Amino acid sequence: MKRARQPTIGNQSHAGYDRLAPMYRTLESILFANRLQEARVALIEALPTIESALFFGDGDGRLLNVFATRFPNCLITSVDQSRRMLDLQQKRFPDHTVTGRQTLIQANALDYHPPPGQFDLLVCSFFLDCFSESELARAIPQWLSALRPDGLLYFVDFRIPESGWRRLRGRCLSWLMHRFFRHSTGLKNRGLPDFESLFASHDLDIVADADTRCASDTGTRCAIDSMCVCRIYRMVKNETGLRP
């Protein structure tokens, strides 16, 4: 297991996540039971063979654990600004994963420049909602540059349902969570970014969508929570096989 550090880390933010790390799963369970984890892993089985993956902000490592079990030979790099979260991630790697193929990097993702074209998969799970749209507009191209041509983005995050009581619930919980994290970690973002518009400006096609199995107001049981979305995007190649 390799450990690496980046010097530029926001003190208030990473200290806040360090404090939250031991209770992170409990806090999540109070509001959502196990539904966020169900959203995280909803499309893991839909992924093709992955040889190298870059994770951003995976917190206490529950998605990493499932992913490493599914792909024990994968070369995994995980970036998180919280040292205590990285410690939890390290403990969660299953015993059968190949030792030495995991690298944990303590860094603020906005300051982290991944090696270009090195990864088959970029994983952002309940991570992009921590940033403003202006921050994401600058950072997403930087993060996507880490993907090889035809690489995949595994995206999981919150959304506000379109109508009904689920929309009211979504708005209330989103307000509560953003207020809590502003107080605990200095989070500047006050609401969910418009992910659809942000992704539309990049060369990404949806290849799998757990959300399509949900019927928001028909009484049909949702495959994942109505406040969540899980998708796999593929980088679009032009006729040369490279992104424009």
Protein backbone atom coordinates (compact mmCIF):
# COMPACT_ATOMS: atom_id res chain seq x y z
CA MET A 1 0.00 0.00 0.00
CA LYS A 2 1.55 3.28 -1.10
CA ARG A 3 0.90 6.50 0.80
CA ALA A 4 1.48 9.93 -0.70
CA ARG A 5 0.85 13.50 0.37
CA GLN A 6 0.12 16.75 -1.38
CA PRO A 7 0.96 19.94 0.56
CA THR A 8 -2.02 22.11 -0.39
CA ILE A 9 -4.96 21.05 1.77
CA GLY A 10 -7.64 23.38 3.17
CA ASN A 11 -7.14 23.30 6.96
CA GLN A 12 -10.76 23.81 8.01
CA SER A 13 -12.13 21.37 5.47
CA HIS A 14 -9.77 18.47 6.02
CA ALA A 15 -9.83 18.92 9.80
CA GLY A 16 -13.64 18.80 9.67
CA TYR A 17 -13.66 15.57 7.70
CA ASP A 18 -11.05 14.13 10.05
CA ARG A 19 -13.44 14.78 12.95
CA LEU A 20 -16.39 13.29 11.06
CA ALA A 21 -14.56 10.17 9.87
CA PRO A 22 -15.29 7.90 12.88
CA MET A 23 -19.01 8.77 12.85
CA TYR A 24 -19.51 9.20 9.10
CA ARG A 25 -21.33 5.92 8.57
CA THR A 26 -23.56 6.49 11.60
CA LEU A 27 -24.55 9.98 10.46
CA GLU A 28 -25.36 8.62 7.00
CA SER A 29 -27.45 5.80 8.45
CA ILE A 30 -29.54 8.19 10.53
CA LEU A 31 -30.84 9.95 7.42
CA PHE A 32 -30.68 7.23 4.78
CA ALA A 33 -30.24 3.82 6.47
CA ASN A 34 -28.31 1.79 3.85
CA ARG A 35 -29.76 3.53 0.79
CA LEU A 36 -26.69 5.60 -0.08
CA GLN A 37 -24.54 2.48 -0.12
CA GLU A 38 -27.11 0.81 -2.36
CA ALA A 39 -26.77 3.76 -4.74
CA ARG A 40 -22.96 3.60 -4.60
CA VAL A 41 -22.81 -0.01 -5.71
CA ALA A 42 -25.87 -0.05 -8.01
CA LEU A 43 -23.84 -0.37 -11.23
CA ILE A 44 -20.63 -2.05 -10.05
CA GLU A 45 -21.64 -5.27 -11.81
CA ALA A 46 -22.25 -3.31 -15.04
CA LEU A 47 -18.60 -2.28 -15.26
CA PRO A 48 -16.33 -4.11 -17.71
CA THR A 49 -12.92 -5.35 -16.60
CA ILE A 50 -11.08 -2.39 -15.05
CA GLU A 51 -7.29 -2.44 -14.83
CA SER A 52 -6.75 1.03 -13.33
CA ALA A 53 -9.13 3.30 -11.40
CA LEU A 54 -8.92 6.75 -9.84
CA PHE A 55 -11.22 7.47 -6.87
CA PHE A 56 -11.98 10.96 -5.58
CA GLY A 57 -13.38 11.57 -2.10
CA ASP A 58 -14.52 8.03 -1.31
CA GLY A 59 -14.74 8.86 2.39
CA ASP A 60 -14.59 5.81 4.65
CA GLY A 61 -14.02 3.44 1.74
CA ARG A 62 -17.19 1.38 1.55
CA LEU A 63 -17.41 1.71 -2.23
CA LEU A 64 -13.68 1.03 -2.54
CA ASN A 65 -14.17 -2.19 -0.61
CA VAL A 66 -16.87 -3.45 -2.98
CA PHE A 67 -14.92 -2.32 -6.03
CA ALA A 68 -11.66 -3.96 -4.87
CA THR A 69 -13.55 -7.19 -4.21
CA ARG A 70 -14.99 -7.06 -7.75
CA PHE A 71 -11.60 -6.17 -9.32
CA PRO A 72 -8.86 -7.56 -7.01
CA ASN A 73 -6.10 -7.02 -9.59
CA CYS A 74 -7.00 -3.42 -10.39
CA LEU A 75 -4.45 -0.66 -9.88
CA ILE A 76 -6.33 1.76 -7.59
CA THR A 77 -5.46 5.36 -6.72
CA SER A 78 -7.63 7.07 -4.11
CA VAL A 79 -7.46 10.82 -3.44
CA ASP A 80 -8.97 12.32 -0.30
CA GLN A 81 -8.07 15.40 1.73
CA SER A 82 -8.77 13.68 5.07
CA ARG A 83 -6.01 11.56 6.55
CA ARG A 84 -8.46 9.74 8.83
CA MET A 85 -10.72 8.91 5.91
CA LEU A 86 -7.72 7.47 4.07
CA ASP A 87 -6.88 5.40 7.14
CA LEU A 88 -10.41 3.96 7.07
CA GLN A 89 -10.09 3.26 3.36
CA GLN A 90 -6.84 1.39 3.91
CA LYS A 91 -8.45 -0.81 6.56
CA ARG A 92 -11.35 -1.63 4.24
CA PHE A 93 -9.29 -3.05 1.38
CA PRO A 94 -10.20 -6.75 1.27
CA ASP A 95 -7.44 -9.21 2.10
CA HIS A 96 -7.53 -10.84 -1.34
CA THR A 97 -6.68 -7.64 -3.25
CA VAL A 98 -3.15 -7.57 -4.67
CA THR A 99 -0.82 -5.80 -2.23
CA GLY A 100 1.07 -2.87 -3.68
CA ARG A 101 -1.56 -2.01 -6.29
CA GLN A 102 -3.27 0.62 -4.12
CA THR A 103 -2.05 4.20 -3.72
CA LEU A 104 -3.66 6.57 -1.21
CA ILE A 105 -3.05 10.28 -1.76
CA GLN A 106 -3.91 12.98 0.76
CA ALA A 107 -4.77 16.04 -1.30
CA ASN A 108 -7.42 18.64 -2.01
CA ALA A 109 -8.91 17.39 -5.26
CA LEU A 110 -9.08 20.92 -6.68
CA ASP A 111 -5.29 21.12 -6.42
CA TYR A 112 -4.60 17.58 -7.56
CA HIS A 113 -3.48 17.09 -11.16
CA PRO A 114 -3.74 13.40 -12.08
CA PRO A 115 -1.38 11.92 -14.65
CA PRO A 116 -3.10 12.33 -18.03
CA GLY A 117 -4.50 9.32 -19.84
CA GLN A 118 -3.55 6.78 -17.17
CA PHE A 119 -6.87 5.35 -15.93
CA ASP A 120 -9.68 3.19 -17.28
CA LEU A 121 -12.14 4.51 -14.70
CA LEU A 122 -12.76 7.70 -12.72
CA VAL A 123 -15.00 7.29 -9.67
CA CYS A 124 -16.86 10.24 -8.11
CA SER A 125 -19.31 9.04 -5.47
CA PHE A 126 -21.17 11.67 -3.41
CA PHE A 127 -18.21 13.91 -4.12
CA LEU A 128 -19.06 16.46 -6.80
CA ASP A 129 -21.87 17.92 -4.66
CA CYS A 130 -19.15 19.32 -2.36
CA PHE A 131 -18.18 21.93 -4.97
CA SER A 132 -19.75 24.95 -6.60
CA GLU A 133 -20.55 24.93 -10.31
CA SER A 134 -17.71 27.38 -10.99
CA GLU A 135 -15.23 25.11 -9.18
CA LEU A 136 -16.48 22.07 -11.08
CA ALA A 137 -16.33 23.89 -14.42
CA ARG A 138 -12.60 24.34 -13.82
CA ALA A 139 -11.90 20.98 -12.19
CA ILE A 140 -13.89 18.46 -14.23
CA PRO A 141 -11.73 18.82 -17.38
CA GLN A 142 -8.67 18.41 -15.16
CA TRP A 143 -10.04 15.21 -13.61
CA LEU A 144 -11.37 13.78 -16.89
CA SER A 145 -7.93 14.22 -18.44
CA ALA A 146 -6.83 11.27 -16.29
CA LEU A 147 -8.95 8.92 -18.42
CA ARG A 148 -7.68 6.96 -21.36
CA PRO A 149 -9.58 7.31 -24.64
CA ASP A 150 -12.90 5.52 -24.22
CA GLY A 151 -12.45 5.62 -20.42
CA LEU A 152 -15.39 5.52 -18.01
CA LEU A 153 -16.76 7.84 -15.35
CA TYR A 154 -18.65 6.17 -12.48
CA PHE A 155 -20.87 8.90 -11.05
CA VAL A 156 -23.02 8.69 -7.92
CA ASP A 157 -24.58 11.70 -6.23
CA PHE A 158 -27.67 13.40 -4.90
CA ARG A 159 -30.46 14.89 -6.95
CA ILE A 160 -33.75 16.63 -6.21
CA PRO A 161 -36.70 14.54 -7.47
CA GLU A 162 -38.94 16.30 -9.95
CA SER A 163 -42.26 16.28 -8.11
CA GLY A 164 -44.41 15.07 -5.25
CA TRP A 165 -43.49 14.43 -1.64
CA ARG A 166 -40.12 13.07 -2.74
CA ARG A 167 -39.20 16.51 -4.09
CA LEU A 168 -40.10 18.15 -0.78
CA ARG A 169 -38.12 15.51 1.10
CA GLY A 170 -35.16 16.00 -1.25
CA ARG A 171 -35.14 19.77 -0.84
CA CYS A 172 -35.34 19.52 2.95
CA LEU A 173 -32.61 16.91 3.26
CA SER A 174 -30.35 18.73 0.80
CA TRP A 175 -30.72 21.96 2.79
CA LEU A 176 -30.02 20.12 6.05
CA MET A 177 -26.93 18.32 4.73
CA HIS A 178 -25.39 21.41 3.16
CA ARG A 179 -25.98 23.40 6.34
CA PHE A 180 -24.41 20.66 8.46
CA PHE A 181 -21.33 20.34 6.27
CA ARG A 182 -20.89 24.12 6.02
CA HIS A 183 -20.72 24.20 9.82
CA SER A 184 -18.55 21.08 10.16
CA THR A 185 -16.14 21.42 7.25
CA GLY A 186 -16.47 24.96 5.91
CA LEU A 187 -18.25 23.71 2.80
CA LYS A 188 -18.89 26.75 0.60
CA ASN A 189 -21.44 25.20 -1.72
CA ARG A 190 -25.04 25.91 -0.64
CA GLY A 191 -26.91 23.58 -2.98
CA LEU A 192 -26.59 20.82 -5.54
CA PRO A 193 -24.78 21.77 -8.75
CA ASP A 194 -26.48 21.27 -12.10
CA PHE A 195 -24.62 18.08 -12.98
CA GLU A 196 -26.52 17.59 -16.24
CA SER A 197 -25.34 20.93 -17.64
CA LEU A 198 -21.78 20.40 -16.42
CA PHE A 199 -21.51 16.98 -18.06
CA ALA A 200 -23.22 18.16 -21.25
CA SER A 201 -20.24 20.38 -22.04
CA HIS A 202 -17.89 17.38 -22.11
CA ASP A 203 -17.51 14.35 -24.36
CA LEU A 204 -19.54 11.95 -22.24
CA ASP A 205 -22.21 9.43 -23.18
CA ILE A 206 -24.39 7.61 -20.65
CA VAL A 207 -23.87 3.86 -21.03
CA ALA A 208 -25.66 2.69 -17.85
CA ASP A 209 -28.16 4.44 -15.59
CA ALA A 210 -29.56 2.95 -12.38
CA ASP A 211 -32.02 5.84 -12.21
CA THR A 212 -33.92 4.56 -15.27
CA ARG A 213 -35.25 1.71 -13.13
CA CYS A 214 -36.99 4.16 -10.74
CA ALA A 215 -40.59 5.27 -11.06
CA SER A 216 -40.67 8.39 -8.92
CA ASP A 217 -44.39 8.84 -8.35
CA THR A 218 -46.09 5.63 -9.44
CA GLY A 219 -45.72 3.73 -6.20
CA THR A 220 -43.20 1.37 -7.79
CA ARG A 221 -40.34 0.49 -5.48
CA CYS A 222 -37.21 2.32 -6.60
CA ALA A 223 -34.00 0.42 -7.33
CA ILE A 224 -32.12 3.25 -5.61
CA ASP A 225 -33.29 6.11 -3.41
CA SER A 226 -35.19 8.79 -5.31
CA MET A 227 -32.67 11.36 -4.05
CA CYS A 228 -29.79 9.51 -5.69
CA VAL A 229 -28.47 8.94 -9.17
CA CYS A 230 -25.89 6.36 -10.29
CA ARG A 231 -24.57 6.42 -13.84
CA ILE A 232 -21.69 5.21 -15.94
CA TYR A 233 -20.46 7.62 -18.61
CA ARG A 234 -18.04 6.85 -21.43
CA MET A 235 -15.64 9.32 -23.00
CA VAL A 236 -16.63 9.85 -26.62
CA LYS A 237 -13.95 9.12 -29.22
CA ASN A 238 -13.77 10.78 -32.61
CA GLU A 239 -12.69 9.08 -35.81
CA THR A 240 -9.02 9.12 -34.74
CA GLY A 241 -9.83 7.24 -31.56
CA LEU A 242 -8.99 10.26 -29.41
CA ARG A 243 -11.11 12.87 -27.67
CA PRO A 244 -11.44 16.11 -29.65
